[in-house]
C-alpha atoms as a PDB file:
ATOM      1  CA  MET A   1     -24.709 -35.456  72.649  1.00  0.00           C
ATOM      2  CA  VAL A   2     -21.168 -36.678  73.146  1.00  0.00           C
ATOM      3  CA  ARG A   3     -22.189 -40.159  72.097  1.00  0.00           C
ATOM      4  CA  ILE A   4     -23.722 -38.887  68.844  1.00  0.00           C
ATOM      5  CA  LEU A   5     -20.482 -37.022  67.988  1.00  0.00           C
ATOM      6  CA  LYS A   6     -18.402 -40.166  68.576  1.00  0.00           C
ATOM      7  CA  VAL A   7     -20.666 -42.230  66.326  1.00  0.00           C
ATOM      8  CA  LYS A   8     -20.485 -39.548  63.638  1.00  0.00           C
ATOM      9  CA  GLU A   9     -16.665 -39.422  63.922  1.00  0.00           C
ATOM     10  CA  LEU A  10     -16.495 -43.197  63.661  1.00  0.00           C
ATOM     11  CA  ASP A  11     -18.818 -43.129  60.650  1.00  0.00           C
ATOM     12  CA  ASP A  12     -16.651 -40.469  58.954  1.00  0.00           C
ATOM     13  CA  ARG A  13     -13.522 -42.472  59.727  1.00  0.00           C
ATOM     14  CA  LYS A  14     -15.161 -45.594  58.274  1.00  0.00           C
ATOM     15  CA  LYS A  15     -16.006 -43.735  55.045  1.00  0.00           C
ATOM     16  CA  LEU A  16     -12.428 -42.431  54.826  1.00  0.00           C
ATOM     17  CA  LEU A  17     -11.011 -45.933  55.325  1.00  0.00           C
ATOM     18  CA  LEU A  18     -13.349 -47.363  52.686  1.00  0.00           C
ATOM     19  CA  ALA A  19     -12.257 -44.679  50.195  1.00  0.00           C
ATOM     20  CA  GLN A  20      -8.579 -45.339  50.969  1.00  0.00           C
ATOM     21  CA  SER A  21      -8.973 -49.106  50.603  1.00  0.00           C
ATOM     22  CA  GLU A  22     -10.721 -48.660  47.236  1.00  0.00           C
ATOM     23  CA  MET A  23      -7.903 -46.341  46.121  1.00  0.00           C
ATOM     24  CA  TYR A  24      -5.277 -48.878  47.215  1.00  0.00           C
ATOM     25  CA  ARG A  25      -7.210 -51.685  45.487  1.00  0.00           C
ATOM     26  CA  GLU A  26      -7.240 -49.773  42.187  1.00  0.00           C
ATOM     27  CA  THR A  27      -3.551 -48.904  42.558  1.00  0.00           C
ATOM     28  CA  LEU A  28      -2.729 -52.568  43.146  1.00  0.00           C
ATOM     29  CA  ARG A  29      -4.802 -53.576  40.098  1.00  0.00           C
ATOM     30  CA  LEU A  30      -2.869 -51.090  37.944  1.00  0.00           C
ATOM     31  CA  GLU A  31       0.470 -52.313  39.281  1.00  0.00           C
ATOM     32  CA  VAL A  32      -0.434 -55.940  38.515  1.00  0.00           C
ATOM     33  CA  ALA A  33      -1.422 -54.927  34.964  1.00  0.00           C
ATOM     34  CA  ASN A  34       1.892 -53.073  34.619  1.00  0.00           C
ATOM     35  CA  VAL A  35       3.858 -56.138  35.748  1.00  0.00           C
ATOM     36  CA  LYS A  36       1.925 -58.361  33.312  1.00  0.00           C
ATOM     37  CA  PHE A  37       2.670 -55.931  30.488  1.00  0.00           C
ATOM     38  CA  ALA A  38       6.384 -55.853  31.364  1.00  0.00           C
ATOM     39  CA  LEU A  39       6.460 -59.669  31.414  1.00  0.00           C
ATOM     40  CA  ALA A  40       4.770 -59.794  28.009  1.00  0.00           C
ATOM     41  CA  LEU A  41       7.433 -57.464  26.595  1.00  0.00           C
ATOM     42  CA  LEU A  42      10.184 -59.557  28.159  1.00  0.00           C
ATOM     43  CA  ARG A  43       8.630 -62.721  26.725  1.00  0.00           C
ATOM     44  CA  ARG A  44       8.578 -61.107  23.265  1.00  0.00           C
ATOM     45  CA  ARG A  45      12.268 -60.210  23.544  1.00  0.00           C
ATOM     46  CA  LEU A  46      13.148 -63.706  24.692  1.00  0.00           C
ATOM     47  CA  ASP A  47      11.166 -65.188  21.792  1.00  0.00           C
ATOM     48  CA  PHE A  48      13.286 -63.110  19.425  1.00  0.00           C
ATOM     49  CA  VAL A  49      16.451 -64.433  21.078  1.00  0.00           C
ATOM     50  CA  LYS A  50      15.155 -68.009  20.812  1.00  0.00           C
ATOM     51  CA  SER A  51      14.379 -67.567  17.132  1.00  0.00           C
ATOM     52  CA  ALA A  52      17.768 -65.962  16.493  1.00  0.00           C
ATOM     53  CA  VAL A  53      19.462 -68.919  18.169  1.00  0.00           C
ATOM     54  CA  GLY A  54      17.463 -71.246  15.891  1.00  0.00           C
ATOM     55  CA  VAL A  55      18.551 -69.347  12.788  1.00  0.00           C
ATOM     56  CA  VAL A  56      22.186 -69.388  13.906  1.00  0.00           C
ATOM     57  CA  GLY A  57      21.845 -73.099  14.642  1.00  0.00           C
ATOM     58  CA  VAL A  58      20.811 -73.685  11.026  1.00  0.00           C
ATOM     59  CA  ALA A  59      23.140 -71.142   9.428  1.00  0.00           C
ATOM     60  CA  ALA A  60      26.327 -72.140  11.274  1.00  0.00           C
ATOM     61  CA  PRO A  61      26.627 -75.673   9.819  1.00  0.00           C
ATOM     62  CA  VAL A  62      25.786 -74.421   6.326  1.00  0.00           C
ATOM     63  CA  LEU A  63      28.370 -71.661   6.593  1.00  0.00           C
ATOM     64  CA  GLY A  64      30.916 -74.121   7.970  1.00  0.00           C
ATOM     65  CA  LEU A  65      30.224 -76.465   5.085  1.00  0.00           C
ATOM     66  CA  VAL A  66      30.659 -73.690   2.524  1.00  0.00           C
ATOM     67  CA  LEU A  67      33.853 -72.400   4.098  1.00  0.00           C
ATOM     68  CA  GLY A  68      35.171 -75.903   4.663  1.00  0.00           C
ATOM     69  CA  LEU A  69      34.632 -76.916   1.052  1.00  0.00           C
ATOM     70  CA  ARG A  70      36.542 -73.882  -0.110  1.00  0.00           C
ATOM     71  CA  GLY A  71      39.688 -75.042   1.697  1.00  0.00           C
ATOM     72  CA  PHE A  72      39.144 -78.713   0.889  1.00  0.00           C
ATOM     73  CA  ARG A  73      39.497 -78.447  -2.890  1.00  0.00           C
ATOM     74  CA  LYS A  74      42.544 -80.189  -4.236  1.00  0.00           C
ATOM     75  CA  LYS A  75      44.876 -78.017  -6.229  1.00  0.00           C
ATOM     76  CA  ASP A  76      46.704 -80.799  -8.019  1.00  0.00           C
ATOM     77  CA  VAL A  77      43.764 -82.506  -9.747  1.00  0.00           C
ATOM     78  CA  ALA A  78      44.739 -84.121 -13.071  1.00  0.00           C
ATOM     79  CA  MET A  79      41.925 -82.446 -15.064  1.00  0.00           C
ATOM     80  CA  PRO A  80      41.038 -79.186 -13.319  1.00  0.00           C
ATOM     81  CA  MET A  81      37.627 -77.737 -13.983  1.00  0.00           C
ATOM     82  CA  PRO A  82      37.741 -74.793 -16.409  1.00  0.00           C
ATOM     83  CA  ALA A  83      37.272 -71.391 -14.814  1.00  0.00           C
ATOM     84  CA  ALA A  84      34.155 -70.714 -16.891  1.00  0.00           C
ATOM     85  CA  LYS A  85      32.343 -73.707 -15.384  1.00  0.00           C
ATOM     86  CA  ARG A  86      33.152 -72.650 -11.851  1.00  0.00           C
ATOM     87  CA  GLY A  87      31.528 -69.304 -12.516  1.00  0.00           C
ATOM     88  CA  MET A  88      28.257 -67.709 -11.648  1.00  0.00           C
ATOM     89  CA  PHE A  89      25.972 -70.369 -13.130  1.00  0.00           C
ATOM     90  CA  SER A  90      27.281 -73.203 -10.977  1.00  0.00           C
ATOM     91  CA  LYS A  91      27.073 -71.005  -7.888  1.00  0.00           C
ATOM     92  CA  LEU A  92      23.497 -70.083  -8.721  1.00  0.00           C
ATOM     93  CA  MET A  93      22.577 -73.725  -9.206  1.00  0.00           C
ATOM     94  CA  ALA A  94      24.176 -74.704  -5.908  1.00  0.00           C
ATOM     95  CA  GLY A  95      22.347 -71.852  -4.185  1.00  0.00           C
ATOM     96  CA  TRP A  96      19.039 -72.921  -5.748  1.00  0.00           C
ATOM     97  CA  GLN A  97      19.522 -76.509  -4.589  1.00  0.00           C
ATOM     98  CA  MET A  98      20.355 -75.348  -1.068  1.00  0.00           C
ATOM     99  CA  PHE A  99      17.297 -73.067  -1.083  1.00  0.00           C
ATOM    100  CA  ARG A 100      15.036 -75.943  -2.125  1.00  0.00           C
ATOM    101  CA  ARG A 101      16.392 -78.125   0.666  1.00  0.00           C
ATOM    102  CA  PHE A 102      16.033 -75.543   3.435  1.00  0.00           C
ATOM    103  CA  ARG A 103      12.792 -73.871   2.275  1.00  0.00           C
ATOM    104  CA  PRO A 104      10.450 -76.240   4.181  1.00  0.00           C
ATOM    105  CA  LEU A 105      12.471 -75.769   7.357  1.00  0.00           C
ATOM    106  CA  VAL A 106      12.401 -71.982   7.051  1.00  0.00           C
ATOM    107  CA  GLN A 107       8.674 -71.958   6.208  1.00  0.00           C
ATOM    108  CA  GLU A 108       7.864 -74.096   9.233  1.00  0.00           C
ATOM    109  CA  PHE A 109       9.991 -71.848  11.420  1.00  0.00           C
ATOM    110  CA  LEU A 110       8.264 -68.685  10.141  1.00  0.00           C
ATOM    111  CA  GLU A 111       4.776 -70.197  10.466  1.00  0.00           C
ATOM    112  CA  GLY A 112       5.512 -71.180  14.057  1.00  0.00           C
ATOM    113  CA  ARG A 113       6.661 -67.661  14.886  1.00  0.00           C
ATOM    114  CA  ARG A 114       3.602 -66.164  13.184  1.00  0.00           C
ATOM    115  CA  ALA A 115       1.219 -68.471  15.071  1.00  0.00           C
ATOM    116  CA  ALA A 116       2.929 -67.717  18.384  1.00  0.00           C
ATOM    117  CA  ARG A 117       2.774 -63.963  17.733  1.00  0.00           C
ATOM    118  CA  GLU A 118      -0.932 -64.129  16.848  1.00  0.00           C
ATOM    119  CA  ALA A 119      -1.658 -66.165  19.972  1.00  0.00           C
ATOM    120  CA  ARG A 120       0.169 -63.609  22.114  1.00  0.00           C
ATOM    121  CA  GLU A 121      -1.715 -60.750  20.485  1.00  0.00           C
ATOM    122  CA  ARG A 122      -5.067 -62.474  21.059  1.00  0.00           C
ATOM    123  CA  LYS A 123      -4.101 -63.085  24.677  1.00  0.00           C
ATOM    124  CA  ASN A 124      -2.967 -59.476  25.131  1.00  0.00           C
ATOM    125  CA  ILE A 125      -6.189 -58.122  23.641  1.00  0.00           C
ATOM    126  CA  THR A 126      -8.342 -60.140  26.015  1.00  0.00           C
ATOM    127  CA  GLN A 127      -6.038 -59.567  28.961  1.00  0.00           C
ATOM    128  CA  PHE A 128      -6.222 -55.767  29.168  1.00  0.00           C
ATOM    129  CA  PRO A 129      -9.723 -54.257  29.050  1.00  0.00           C
END
């Protein structure tokens, strides 16, 4: 009779250990999913920083050029340009020309970001059941 009790105790202990190991396995699976999610959020934030650095990299030289030209104008030109011609129309035309030059660069930049975001979303959808 003593031997039957020991076998039953061992069987109960085995069932308890199996239940605990399954619980720990599920907990570990959830923790791994949580870490993957946190890394995906971090990657998204870093992508924003990378894109902001790209925009600043394009905007800084343009801004420097605009500010530099403002101080570079000569004051003692023999035939100064009339004030009416330096008005809004010439600024609009200069802005339009600059827009036409940088539009392909900006479009390519935005398309790359959009494609990367869609790829991440597809990966995230398939990653978490």
